[in-house]
Structure formats: structure tokens, C-alpha cells
Amino acid sequence: MAEMKTQTKNNKWMWIIVAIYLFLIWHNSMETGTASGSLSRSITLAILPWVEKTGFTVPFDTLHFYVRKLAHFSEYFVLALLVYPAGRFNHKSWPKWVLWPASSIIDESIQHFVPGRYGSIRDVCIDMTGYITGIFIAYLVRLMINDLKNG
């Protein structure tokens, strides 16, 4: 009984962490296009020398595009890693399945109203791909941990 109360309490904390993380995602979406572009440009400038050391010649704008898209994927990958421990994924866990597309759609909708930003169906798809990948990785890790415990 005490273990169940601890698990429920931990579950509530995980959902609080998820809510805070969602707030941070949506807060980033409220950054103007200039501010958001400046951040991603500085990241692109930081990794460009590493890319060039590999022997690849990538135009700055192309690399910048991929940095921006990787940010979408990564945000929702991390979201999935935070959501997964909050409970099991089954037919009864509809909030986790609704959270995934709803949070991304809200994210892109926010950007629609921010100067210099725009919402994009492509970005929603990238977000969802990051989320699904995160859930899949978390599931595989859980399977491996269970195998180690039982094997």
C-alpha cells in the first residue's frame, strides 16, 4: 500500500515536470523570429567547423535549416522521455497519446501569432517523429532493464 502511494506521488511529480517542460517549449515558440533565428544561427556557427572537419562542404543556410529541424525533433524526443515514466502506454493511457499531437499543434499555433514566425505542418510532423522515437527508445530501455532484472 505504501509503495502504491509513493508510485502515485512520483507519477504526479513526473506530470508536473512534463507540464514545466511543455511550458518551456511553448515559451520558446513565443520568441520572435529574429530572436529564434539568432539562437539557431549561433548554434549553426558553432557546429559548422566540426562539419567542415569531416570533409563535408555544407552551405550555411542548409546546415541552419537542419539545425532548426533537429531542434524540433529533439524537443519532442525529450518530451517523450519525460512522459514515458509518468505511466504505462496502453489503451487506458489516452492522455499520453493525446498530449503528443496536441502539444505540437499548440506549439505551431503559437508561432502563427508571433512576429517573424509561422506554424508549419512539416514541423508538427517532425515534432511527432521525435515524440514517437523517444517513446520507442524509452520502451526499448525499459525492456532491456527488465531483461537484466529477470535474466
Foldseek 3Di string as FASTA:
>chain_A
DVVVVVLLVVLVVLVVVLVVLLVVLLVLLQDALVVNLVVLLVVLVVCVVVVVVVVDDDDSVVSSVVSVLVVLLQSLLVSLLSNPSSDDDDPVPVVVVCCQLVSLVVSQVSNCPHHRGHRDPVSSVSNSVSNVVSNVVNVVVVVVVVVVVVD
